[in-house]
Protein backbone atom coordinates (compact mmCIF):
# COMPACT_ATOMS: atom_id res chain seq x y z
CA UNK A 1 0.00 0.00 0.00
CA UNK A 2 1.40 3.45 -0.87
CA UNK A 3 2.44 5.80 1.92
CA UNK A 4 -0.09 8.48 0.91
CA UNK A 5 -2.95 5.93 0.99
CA UNK A 6 -1.95 4.91 4.51
CA UNK A 7 -1.92 8.56 5.62
CA UNK A 8 -5.42 9.11 4.20
CA UNK A 9 -6.77 6.04 6.08
CA UNK A 10 -5.26 7.30 9.35
CA UNK A 11 -6.78 10.73 8.78
CA UNK A 12 -10.25 9.25 8.13
CA UNK A 13 -10.06 7.15 11.29
CA UNK A 14 -9.16 10.11 13.48
CA UNK A 15 -11.65 12.61 12.04
CA UNK A 16 -14.33 11.39 14.50
CA UNK A 17 -12.39 13.01 17.35
CA UNK A 18 -13.85 16.56 17.38
CA UNK A 19 -11.10 18.20 19.42
CA UNK A 20 -8.43 17.17 16.87
CA UNK A 21 -10.50 17.56 13.73
CA UNK A 22 -8.93 20.85 12.63
CA UNK A 23 -5.39 19.65 13.32
CA UNK A 24 -5.87 16.44 11.34
CA UNK A 25 -6.98 18.30 8.25
CA UNK A 26 -3.82 20.39 8.37
CA UNK A 27 -1.12 17.95 9.49
CA UNK A 28 -0.79 15.79 6.33
CA UNK A 29 -0.13 18.91 4.28
CA UNK A 30 2.46 20.15 6.80
CA UNK A 31 4.23 16.80 6.96
CA UNK A 32 4.79 16.76 3.21
CA UNK A 33 7.55 19.36 3.15
CA UNK A 34 8.89 20.29 -0.27
CA UNK A 35 6.49 18.49 -2.60
CA UNK A 36 5.45 19.43 -6.12
CA UNK A 37 2.13 20.90 -4.88
CA UNK A 38 4.01 23.52 -2.86
CA UNK A 39 6.32 24.49 -5.73
CA UNK A 40 5.46 26.93 -8.52
CA UNK A 41 4.30 25.15 -11.66
CA UNK A 42 7.17 24.75 -14.10
CA UNK A 43 9.62 26.36 -11.67
CA UNK A 44 13.32 25.50 -11.75
CA UNK A 45 13.03 24.00 -8.25
CA UNK A 46 10.61 21.34 -9.43
CA UNK A 47 12.57 18.13 -10.23
CA UNK A 48 10.24 17.22 -13.10
CA UNK A 49 10.79 20.56 -14.85
CA UNK A 50 13.12 20.79 -17.83
CA UNK A 51 15.20 23.56 -16.24
CA UNK A 52 15.80 21.52 -13.08
CA UNK A 53 16.72 18.38 -15.03
CA UNK A 54 19.22 20.30 -17.12
CA UNK A 55 20.63 21.89 -13.97
CA UNK A 56 21.28 18.35 -12.75
CA UNK A 57 22.75 17.52 -16.17
CA UNK A 58 25.48 20.13 -15.64
CA UNK A 59 26.72 18.24 -12.58
CA UNK A 60 26.26 14.86 -14.32
CA UNK A 61 28.52 16.00 -17.14
CA UNK A 62 31.17 17.42 -14.80
CA UNK A 63 31.34 14.07 -12.94
CA UNK A 64 33.54 12.73 -15.72
CA UNK A 65 35.63 15.84 -16.40
CA UNK A 66 38.37 15.09 -13.85
CA UNK A 67 38.51 11.41 -14.80
CA UNK A 68 39.00 12.07 -18.51
CA UNK A 69 41.42 14.95 -17.90
CA UNK A 70 43.70 12.74 -15.78
CA UNK A 71 43.26 9.60 -17.91
CA UNK A 72 45.16 11.16 -20.82
CA UNK A 73 47.85 12.94 -18.80
CA UNK A 74 50.43 10.39 -20.04
CA UNK A 75 49.29 10.83 -23.66
CA UNK A 76 49.80 14.60 -23.49
CA UNK A 77 53.28 14.12 -21.98
CA UNK A 78 54.36 10.97 -23.81
CA UNK A 79 57.90 12.20 -24.58
CA UNK A 80 58.28 13.56 -21.04
CA UNK A 81 57.24 10.26 -19.45
CA UNK A 82 59.65 8.28 -21.63
CA UNK A 83 62.54 10.69 -21.11
CA UNK A 84 62.18 11.52 -17.39
CA UNK A 85 61.21 8.01 -16.30
CA UNK A 86 63.30 6.15 -18.95
CA UNK A 87 60.37 4.11 -20.31
CA UNK A 88 60.04 2.05 -23.50
CA UNK A 89 56.86 2.16 -25.62
CA UNK A 90 55.76 -1.14 -24.06
CA UNK A 91 56.23 0.25 -20.53
CA UNK A 92 54.44 3.44 -21.49
CA UNK A 93 51.41 1.55 -22.84
CA UNK A 94 51.37 -0.43 -19.57
CA UNK A 95 50.26 2.83 -17.88
CA UNK A 96 47.13 2.68 -20.02
CA UNK A 97 46.56 -1.07 -19.98
CA UNK A 98 46.92 -1.38 -16.18
CA UNK A 99 44.09 1.14 -15.94
CA UNK A 100 41.86 -1.33 -17.77
CA UNK A 101 42.85 -4.65 -16.16
CA UNK A 102 41.02 -4.31 -12.82
CA UNK A 103 37.86 -3.23 -14.60
CA UNK A 104 37.61 -6.48 -16.54
CA UNK A 105 35.80 -7.75 -13.42
CA UNK A 106 35.42 -4.85 -10.99
CA UNK A 107 33.52 -2.59 -13.39
CA UNK A 108 30.83 -5.27 -13.78
CA UNK A 109 30.71 -5.66 -9.99
CA UNK A 110 30.64 -1.88 -9.63
CA UNK A 111 27.50 -1.67 -11.76
CA UNK A 112 25.89 -4.51 -9.80
CA UNK A 113 26.73 -2.80 -6.50
CA UNK A 114 25.00 0.36 -7.73
CA UNK A 115 21.87 -1.68 -8.56
CA UNK A 116 21.85 -3.85 -5.44
CA UNK A 117 23.92 -2.40 -2.56
CA UNK A 118 25.11 1.21 -2.70
CA UNK A 119 22.47 2.84 -4.83
CA UNK A 120 23.44 5.38 -7.43
CA UNK A 121 24.18 8.30 -5.09
CA UNK A 122 26.49 6.62 -2.58
CA UNK A 123 28.08 4.51 -5.33
CA UNK A 124 29.01 7.62 -7.32
CA UNK A 125 30.69 9.26 -4.31
CA UNK A 126 32.59 6.09 -3.34
CA UNK A 127 33.92 5.57 -6.89
CA UNK A 128 34.89 9.25 -7.13
CA UNK A 129 36.92 8.96 -3.91
CA UNK A 130 38.69 5.81 -5.18
CA UNK A 131 39.56 7.65 -8.40
CA UNK A 132 40.97 10.61 -6.46
CA UNK A 133 43.16 8.41 -4.25
CA UNK A 134 44.49 6.59 -7.33
CA UNK A 135 45.50 9.82 -9.05
CA UNK A 136 47.31 11.06 -5.91
CA UNK A 137 49.29 7.79 -5.70
CA UNK A 138 50.09 7.98 -9.44
CA UNK A 139 51.47 11.51 -9.04
CA UNK A 140 53.41 10.49 -5.90
CA UNK A 141 55.04 7.67 -7.86
CA UNK A 142 56.33 10.19 -10.39
CA UNK A 143 57.65 12.43 -7.61
CA UNK A 144 59.54 9.50 -6.08
CA UNK A 145 60.61 8.09 -9.47
CA UNK A 146 58.93 4.81 -8.46
CA UNK A 147 57.36 3.31 -11.58
CA UNK A 148 55.78 0.47 -9.58
CA UNK A 149 53.97 3.02 -7.39
CA UNK A 150 52.69 4.83 -10.49
CA UNK A 151 51.33 1.54 -11.83
CA UNK A 152 49.62 0.87 -8.48
CA UNK A 153 48.07 4.35 -8.54
CA UNK A 154 46.89 3.91 -12.11
CA UNK A 155 45.37 0.53 -11.14
CA UNK A 156 43.36 2.15 -8.32
CA UNK A 157 42.46 5.12 -10.53
CA UNK A 158 41.01 2.73 -13.10
CA UNK A 159 38.82 0.98 -10.51
CA UNK A 160 37.17 4.28 -9.61
CA UNK A 161 37.03 5.88 -13.06
CA UNK A 162 35.28 3.11 -14.97
CA UNK A 163 32.75 2.38 -12.21
CA UNK A 164 32.11 6.13 -12.10
CA UNK A 165 31.29 6.01 -15.82
CA UNK A 166 28.70 3.31 -15.07
CA UNK A 167 27.14 5.54 -12.40
CA UNK A 168 27.14 8.48 -14.79
CA UNK A 169 25.27 6.47 -17.44
CA UNK A 170 22.77 5.26 -14.83
CA UNK A 171 22.13 8.83 -13.68
CA UNK A 172 21.47 9.87 -17.29
CA UNK A 173 18.88 7.13 -17.83
CA UNK A 174 17.24 7.81 -14.44
CA UNK A 175 16.70 11.49 -15.20
CA UNK A 176 16.23 11.52 -18.99
CA UNK A 177 14.91 8.17 -20.27
CA UNK A 178 12.11 8.74 -22.78
CA UNK A 179 12.98 12.43 -23.10
CA UNK A 180 16.35 13.72 -24.36
CA UNK A 181 18.48 10.66 -23.61
CA UNK A 182 20.54 10.59 -26.84
CA UNK A 183 21.38 14.27 -26.49
CA UNK A 184 22.26 13.78 -22.81
CA UNK A 185 24.71 10.98 -23.64
CA UNK A 186 26.16 13.29 -26.27
CA UNK A 187 26.53 16.15 -23.79
CA UNK A 188 28.15 13.89 -21.21
CA UNK A 189 30.65 12.74 -23.80
CA UNK A 190 31.15 16.34 -24.89
CA UNK A 191 32.14 17.59 -21.45
CA UNK A 192 34.22 14.49 -20.68
CA UNK A 193 36.13 14.76 -23.94
CA UNK A 194 36.51 18.48 -23.44
CA UNK A 195 38.39 17.47 -20.28
CA UNK A 196 40.69 15.31 -22.43
CA UNK A 197 41.13 18.15 -24.92
CA UNK A 198 42.01 20.67 -22.22
CA UNK A 199 44.53 18.13 -20.91
CA UNK A 200 46.27 17.99 -24.30
CA UNK A 201 46.26 21.79 -24.49
CA UNK A 202 47.59 22.65 -21.05
CA UNK A 203 49.74 19.80 -19.70
CA UNK A 204 52.81 20.48 -21.88
CA UNK A 205 52.81 24.26 -21.16
CA UNK A 206 52.29 23.57 -17.44
CA UNK A 207 55.20 21.11 -17.49
CA UNK A 208 57.38 23.64 -19.29
CA UNK A 209 56.64 26.21 -16.58
CA UNK A 210 57.05 23.83 -13.62
CA UNK A 211 60.33 22.49 -15.04
CA UNK A 212 61.86 25.92 -14.36
CA UNK A 213 61.61 25.16 -10.64
CA UNK A 214 61.80 21.36 -10.57
CA UNK A 215 63.68 18.88 -12.73
CA UNK A 216 62.93 15.58 -14.46
CA UNK A 217 60.63 13.26 -12.47
CA UNK A 218 60.00 15.87 -9.74
CA UNK A 219 58.60 18.30 -12.30
CA UNK A 220 56.41 15.54 -13.74
CA UNK A 221 55.11 14.62 -10.27
CA UNK A 222 54.17 18.22 -9.44
CA UNK A 223 52.32 18.58 -12.76
CA UNK A 224 50.36 15.38 -12.11
CA UNK A 225 49.44 16.63 -8.61
CA UNK A 226 48.11 19.84 -10.14
CA UNK A 227 45.99 17.72 -12.51
CA UNK A 228 44.46 16.06 -9.43
CA UNK A 229 42.55 19.28 -8.70
CA UNK A 230 40.16 18.45 -11.55
CA UNK A 231 39.21 15.24 -9.68
CA UNK A 232 38.48 17.28 -6.56
CA UNK A 233 36.12 19.44 -8.61
CA UNK A 234 34.33 16.34 -9.92
CA UNK A 235 33.95 15.01 -6.35
CA UNK A 236 32.21 18.24 -5.34
CA UNK A 237 29.85 17.80 -8.31
CA UNK A 238 29.09 14.22 -7.17
CA UNK A 239 28.07 15.50 -3.73
CA UNK A 240 25.81 18.20 -5.17
CA UNK A 241 24.19 15.80 -7.64
CA UNK A 242 23.60 13.26 -4.86
CA UNK A 243 21.70 15.90 -2.87
CA UNK A 244 19.61 16.88 -5.92
CA UNK A 245 18.77 13.26 -6.72
CA UNK A 246 17.74 12.44 -3.14
CA UNK A 247 15.44 15.45 -3.14
CA UNK A 248 13.97 14.51 -6.54
CA UNK A 249 13.34 10.94 -5.38
CA UNK A 250 11.45 12.19 -2.32
CA UNK A 251 9.37 14.78 -4.18
CA UNK A 252 8.50 12.66 -7.23
CA UNK A 253 8.16 9.45 -5.17
CA UNK A 254 10.25 7.88 -7.90
CA UNK A 255 10.37 4.10 -8.35
CA UNK A 256 12.79 2.75 -10.95
CA UNK A 257 11.77 -0.84 -10.22
CA UNK A 258 7.97 -1.02 -10.06
CA UNK A 259 7.99 -4.80 -10.54
CA UNK A 260 9.96 -5.19 -7.30
CA UNK A 261 12.46 -7.61 -8.86
CA UNK A 262 15.86 -7.87 -7.17
CA UNK A 263 18.95 -7.56 -9.43
CA UNK A 264 21.24 -10.61 -9.42
CA UNK A 265 24.66 -11.18 -10.97
CA UNK A 266 23.17 -14.10 -12.93
CA UNK A 267 20.82 -11.65 -14.70
CA UNK A 268 23.59 -11.18 -17.24
CA UNK A 269 22.78 -14.61 -18.73
CA UNK A 270 19.21 -13.51 -19.50
CA UNK A 271 20.23 -10.49 -21.61
CA UNK A 272 19.16 -10.59 -25.26
CA UNK A 273 21.55 -11.09 -28.24
CA UNK A 274 21.56 -7.38 -29.25
CA UNK A 275 23.11 -6.54 -25.86
CA UNK A 276 26.00 -8.92 -26.55
CA UNK A 277 26.53 -7.33 -29.96
CA UNK A 278 26.57 -3.88 -28.31
CA UNK A 279 29.25 -5.22 -25.93
CA UNK A 280 31.33 -6.43 -28.90
CA UNK A 281 31.05 -3.00 -30.52
CA UNK A 282 32.16 -1.39 -27.23
CA UNK A 283 35.37 -3.38 -27.51
CA UNK A 284 36.00 -3.43 -31.25
CA UNK A 285 35.30 0.26 -31.85
CA UNK A 286 36.94 1.87 -28.84
CA UNK A 287 40.19 -0.13 -29.16
CA UNK A 288 40.66 1.64 -32.47
CA UNK A 289 40.29 5.07 -30.82
CA UNK A 290 41.84 5.18 -27.34
CA UNK A 291 45.06 3.21 -27.97
CA UNK A 292 45.53 5.15 -31.22
CA UNK A 293 45.30 8.47 -29.33
CA UNK A 294 47.58 7.17 -26.56
CA UNK A 295 50.26 6.43 -29.20
CA UNK A 296 49.25 9.34 -31.41
CA UNK A 297 51.89 11.89 -30.53
CA UNK A 298 54.70 9.64 -31.76
CA UNK A 299 52.64 8.62 -34.84
CA UNK A 300 52.07 12.22 -35.97
CA UNK A 301 55.64 13.27 -35.26
CA UNK A 302 57.09 10.46 -37.38
CA UNK A 303 54.41 10.11 -40.06
CA UNK A 304 53.87 13.84 -40.71
CA UNK A 305 57.08 15.39 -39.28
CA UNK A 306 55.27 17.46 -36.65
CA UNK A 307 56.75 18.95 -33.47
CA UNK A 308 55.58 17.51 -30.11
CA UNK A 309 53.28 20.51 -29.57
CA UNK A 310 51.81 20.25 -33.08
CA UNK A 311 51.38 16.50 -32.71
CA UNK A 312 49.49 17.00 -29.43
CA UNK A 313 47.19 19.52 -31.12
CA UNK A 314 46.34 17.08 -33.91
CA UNK A 315 46.05 14.17 -31.49
CA UNK A 316 43.54 16.08 -29.34
CA UNK A 317 41.31 16.92 -32.31
CA UNK A 318 39.16 13.81 -31.82
CA UNK A 319 38.24 14.95 -28.33
CA UNK A 320 37.81 18.58 -29.36
CA UNK A 321 35.49 17.65 -32.23
CA UNK A 322 33.60 15.28 -29.90
CA UNK A 323 33.16 18.07 -27.36
CA UNK A 324 31.43 20.21 -29.97
CA UNK A 325 29.54 17.67 -32.07
CA UNK A 326 28.37 15.05 -29.55
CA UNK A 327 25.37 17.02 -28.23
CA UNK A 328 24.48 18.00 -31.80
CA UNK A 329 24.42 14.37 -32.94
CA UNK A 330 22.51 13.46 -29.77
CA UNK A 331 19.87 16.09 -30.52
CA UNK A 332 19.53 14.89 -34.13
CA UNK A 333 19.26 11.23 -33.07
CA UNK A 334 16.61 12.16 -30.48
CA UNK A 335 14.57 13.62 -33.35
CA UNK A 336 15.11 11.02 -36.10
CA UNK A 337 15.91 7.81 -34.16
CA UNK A 338 17.44 4.99 -36.24
CA UNK A 339 20.24 4.36 -33.70
CA UNK A 340 21.56 1.22 -35.40
CA UNK A 341 21.95 3.04 -38.73
CA UNK A 342 23.94 5.78 -37.01
CA UNK A 343 26.24 3.23 -35.34
CA UNK A 344 26.90 1.53 -38.70
CA UNK A 345 27.65 4.86 -40.40
CA UNK A 346 29.99 5.97 -37.59
CA UNK A 347 31.99 2.73 -37.75
CA UNK A 348 32.32 2.91 -41.54
CA UNK A 349 33.55 6.52 -41.52
CA UNK A 350 36.05 5.75 -38.73
CA UNK A 351 37.60 3.08 -40.96
CA UNK A 352 37.83 5.75 -43.67
CA UNK A 353 39.56 8.16 -41.24
CA UNK A 354 42.22 5.58 -40.32
CA UNK A 355 42.74 4.83 -44.02
CA UNK A 356 43.28 8.53 -44.81
CA UNK A 357 45.88 8.86 -42.05
CA UNK A 358 47.69 5.67 -43.11
CA UNK A 359 47.66 5.60 -46.90
CA UNK A 360 47.48 9.25 -48.02
CA UNK A 361 49.62 12.35 -47.58
CA UNK A 362 46.61 14.57 -46.99
CA UNK A 363 46.80 16.82 -43.94
CA UNK A 364 46.25 14.79 -40.74
CA UNK A 365 43.67 17.36 -39.65
CA UNK A 366 41.21 15.93 -42.20
CA UNK A 367 41.43 12.37 -40.92
CA UNK A 368 41.20 13.44 -37.28
CA UNK A 369 38.16 15.66 -37.89
CA UNK A 370 36.38 12.75 -39.58
CA UNK A 371 37.38 10.45 -36.71
CA UNK A 372 36.11 12.97 -34.15
CA UNK A 373 32.74 13.34 -35.89
CA UNK A 374 32.42 9.56 -36.24
CA UNK A 375 33.32 8.98 -32.60
CA UNK A 376 30.68 11.50 -31.50
CA UNK A 377 28.07 9.91 -33.74
CA UNK A 378 28.73 6.45 -32.35
CA UNK A 379 28.73 7.45 -28.67
CA UNK A 380 25.45 9.37 -29.01
CA UNK A 381 23.74 6.43 -30.74
CA UNK A 382 25.31 3.30 -29.19
CA UNK A 383 25.01 3.78 -25.42
CA UNK A 384 21.27 4.64 -25.42
CA UNK A 385 20.66 1.26 -27.12
CA UNK A 386 21.40 -0.45 -23.79
CA UNK A 387 18.48 1.40 -22.18
CA UNK A 388 16.20 0.13 -24.98
CA UNK A 389 17.32 -3.48 -24.52
CA UNK A 390 17.66 -3.85 -20.72
CA UNK A 391 15.05 -3.17 -17.94
CA UNK A 392 15.82 -0.10 -15.85
CA UNK A 393 16.47 -1.99 -12.60
CA UNK A 394 19.28 -3.94 -14.34
CA UNK A 395 20.92 -0.99 -16.09
CA UNK A 396 23.82 -0.62 -13.63
CA UNK A 397 24.71 -4.28 -14.15
CA UNK A 398 24.35 -3.96 -17.94
CA UNK A 399 26.45 -0.80 -18.26
CA UNK A 400 28.98 -2.29 -15.86
CA UNK A 401 29.35 -5.36 -18.06
CA UNK A 402 29.79 -3.18 -21.17
CA UNK A 403 32.53 -1.21 -19.41
CA UNK A 404 34.14 -4.46 -18.18
CA UNK A 405 34.32 -6.09 -21.59
CA UNK A 406 35.53 -2.80 -23.08
CA UNK A 407 38.32 -2.62 -20.51
CA UNK A 408 39.36 -6.19 -21.23
CA UNK A 409 39.72 -5.23 -24.88
CA UNK A 410 41.58 -2.00 -24.09
CA UNK A 411 43.95 -3.75 -21.66
CA UNK A 412 44.95 -6.40 -24.21
CA UNK A 413 44.86 -4.29 -27.38
CA UNK A 414 46.84 -1.37 -25.91
CA UNK A 415 49.68 -3.72 -24.96
CA UNK A 416 49.58 -5.43 -28.37
CA UNK A 417 49.58 -2.06 -30.13
CA UNK A 418 52.66 -0.98 -28.14
CA UNK A 419 54.44 -4.25 -29.00
CA UNK A 420 53.59 -3.82 -32.71
CA UNK A 421 55.02 -0.26 -32.65
CA UNK A 422 58.21 -1.41 -30.86
CA UNK A 423 58.81 -4.22 -33.37
CA UNK A 424 57.89 -2.42 -36.61
CA UNK A 425 60.86 -0.02 -36.74
CA UNK A 426 58.63 3.08 -36.60
CA UNK A 427 56.53 1.82 -39.52
CA UNK A 428 52.99 2.61 -38.40
CA UNK A 429 51.11 0.88 -41.22
CA UNK A 430 50.87 -2.41 -39.34
CA UNK A 431 49.37 -0.96 -36.19
CA UNK A 432 46.90 1.05 -38.29
CA UNK A 433 45.82 -2.10 -40.14
CA UNK A 434 45.44 -3.72 -36.73
CA UNK A 435 43.03 -0.95 -35.68
CA UNK A 436 41.07 -1.14 -38.95
CA UNK A 437 40.63 -4.89 -38.46
CA UNK A 438 38.90 -4.28 -35.14
CA UNK A 439 36.64 -1.67 -36.70
CA UNK A 440 35.58 -4.28 -39.26
CA UNK A 441 34.52 -6.54 -36.38
CA UNK A 442 32.40 -3.66 -35.00
CA UNK A 443 30.82 -3.23 -38.42
CA UNK A 444 29.84 -6.91 -38.55
CA UNK A 445 28.37 -6.77 -35.01
CA UNK A 446 26.25 -3.76 -36.00
CA UNK A 447 24.92 -5.65 -39.01
CA UNK A 448 23.97 -8.54 -36.71
CA UNK A 449 22.01 -6.16 -34.44
CA UNK A 450 20.16 -4.75 -37.44
CA UNK A 451 19.29 -8.21 -38.80
CA UNK A 452 18.17 -9.58 -35.42
CA UNK A 453 16.09 -6.50 -34.59
CA UNK A 454 14.44 -6.59 -38.02
CA UNK A 455 13.63 -10.30 -37.66
CA UNK A 456 12.20 -9.85 -34.14
CA UNK A 457 10.37 -6.66 -35.15
CA UNK A 458 12.09 -4.79 -32.34
CA UNK A 459 12.41 -1.05 -31.69
CA UNK A 460 16.17 -0.49 -31.84
CA UNK A 461 16.21 1.09 -35.30
CA UNK A 462 12.83 2.84 -35.16
CA UNK A 463 12.02 6.54 -35.28
CA UNK A 464 10.82 8.12 -31.99
CA UNK A 465 7.21 8.06 -33.22
CA UNK A 466 7.44 4.37 -34.13
CA UNK A 467 8.99 3.61 -30.73
CA UNK A 468 6.13 5.38 -28.93
CA UNK A 469 3.59 3.28 -30.88
CA UNK A 470 5.64 0.15 -30.19
CA UNK A 471 5.71 0.81 -26.42
CA UNK A 472 1.95 1.53 -26.41
CA UNK A 473 1.26 -1.72 -28.24
CA UNK A 474 3.48 -3.68 -25.84
CA UNK A 475 1.76 -2.11 -22.82
CA UNK A 476 -1.69 -2.87 -24.27
CA UNK A 477 -0.74 -6.52 -24.85
CA UNK A 478 0.61 -6.75 -21.28
CA UNK A 479 -2.72 -5.65 -19.76
CA UNK A 480 -4.92 -7.69 -22.08
């Protein structure tokens, strides 16, 4: 029985007591502090209003800023890391792959813990704290010239960062499912990748300035500690968003699991085939983006004879383009739908971007702009598919599994890419063909989703209007 119904029954039972009659008619209204009835209609304080939801979106987006800024610190200072810490390419790529290894399992568990134990608010804060501690240890390792300590810090950083991404996705679905979800995923990516772009812009100049006062590994450690401040900012955003979400849950009496089913780890075995194809795309597509960018500075310096600063500028273009175009693609996809078609197109054009960079002498800016647009298109169309396939009460588990399988791919592929670079005598064609092969796998997985959805008459590649009719028909059949 709902809480309000119980209150009305109590009120009716006590109304026969004349001396308390006036008080009983007033008390229920007083007890319900801060509900929608007491707020101005359409006001920004009302959690169901567009302005309030987009206020929350600002903090949702900033959750990932610090994580993405610090994730690519090594990429922006690749030459510095190798010179000051005396690292080979294989050791350097270990900094990225060790980030991914713990999340092969822990990211999946992190999503499950959000669904079953912590809840989204506490889970977000816990993962943000883990991320912050990991970044501090990573920076301390550089200060002490202890590579093993840096690897430990990066390991801990990865545990927090990827589970935080799961929480961020869950927040987006909780606040925006059925409304502007594609655009919201695009905006989240935009702000996160803007963090990566800012990292590529500022880390080398900051290092150049700090190196006037400190030398070699000490200068690197101080710069990495300064980068930690972005994680502190994201932690503050997590606290504010947690307060807003708790308030919205109380006011709207929100229930994300009306069926009352309890999430279990074994739920993963009940997920439909399109979910598994989405997971394959998460691996096969992203391993052709992130490892490429991690090794990009050296690629652009040797392939196109650029300076380190110029190479960083080109290398950061994917993130810069994503920061601008992701919300635009999200808005368009919200209007036209057809998510599977967008994913297929994005994968195809990313293959074309890699081909331009590998086999032509055209300016690298062209290939990187195309890659940035393609990456934005895919992120805005792929991740919302999970919310169409999986029930809401299992979304943390589902997104956690996607992140886990993606991290397995990134951990293995980043190491393999570094080995290929070390053994190819600075000939980058082989590693580029390696990346294009994985993109072909993503293309095949997308085709499988399209064929399965078409055969099952599903809603994954429908327009918004068709999806609304589909949901209405499914609801009608359920109550028949």
